[in-house]
Amino acid sequence: MIPSKEQVVLEELLTAAIDAAMKARQKAATDPFENGRLMAYYDVIRWAQEQAQVLELQFVDKSLAAFNPDDLLKPAKQAA
């Protein structure tokens, strides 16, 4: 199955949002702005996944299908 252009754009957008959310998560505990940014990304990612499910969209990138946005709310592990 060849994904539509729209699906490719959605997957690219979700990938970028997840990457940005992970970066914000690293600073969220000490920076209120980054915490707000993380919450915004969380809402967008969760909404997009819900809409994909409603539309019965099957992600080509299986890591997107397996990604749990609730994991973003867990404290990030600090580098030693």
Foldseek 3Di string as FASTA:
>chain_A
DDDDPVLVVLVVVLVVLVVLLVVLLQCVVPDVVSVVSNVVSLVVLVVSLVVCVVVVNDRPPVVSVVDDSVVSVDRDDDDD
